[in-house]
Amino acid sequence: MSGGKVEKILSFLEKHYPEARIILNYNTPFQLLVATILAAQCTDERVNRVTETFFARYPSPEKLDESPLEEIEGAVKPTGFYRQKAKTLKAVSRALIERHGGEVPDRMEALTDLPGVGRKTASIVLGECFGQDTLPVDTHVLRVSRRLGLAMSKNADKVEEELSSIVPEGKRWKFALTLGWHGRTVCTARSPKCSVCGLEEMCPKIGVKGDKKG
């Protein structure tokens, strides 16, 4: 992978997606951690509808920890896989209380040591709430980076390693946000809009089966 191609991609993404941001609504690191856990196999938009009332009802790890599991299951049911998610939220809340005084830690190792918290979730919290230059690999980053030939693995953690080796330090968080935004708006999963994509000339279109205008 040539450094010139990576720089061109970075420049394009930064220029065309200045509005790129985390779509999940939150006010505290704990809320973003919860929302990201709920977003597994669920759209961010649906999670936002659920957390609008969920955060008012469960504003802290302490409140979640003391609440009945069945009650939490009912609250998160619209996000899917609700039994496992409710169990994870209670376990995470207990771990935060016991290990970190109820606060969300600002270290990768401490976050990924929490029950059910992987590198993607930890990277989102660290990048968004603590200003760290992480590179979270969600489904959009995974898909678009492969189509562009930037990373070939299908494993998110390995893709993070591949991308971190070619994206300069200081630009990784912004890269993840903007590449993800490109995936949401242009390089979509089922019908990528290759003909209107500003990256088409340098894209090998790996795995792309169709091209849709506009």
Foldseek 3Di string as FASTA:
>chain_A
DDLVLVVVLLVVLCVPCVVQDDLADDDALLRLLLLVLLCVQAPSVQSNVLVVVVCVQPVFLVSLLPDDLVVQLVSSVVSPPSSVSSVLSNQQSVCCCVPPVRHDDLDQVSQCVGPPGDNLSSQNSNCPPVVALAARDDPQNLVQCCQLVQDPDNDRVVRSVSNPVNDDPPCRSVSNRSSSVCQVPAVDDQEHQLVPDPCNVNTPRVPDDHHDHD
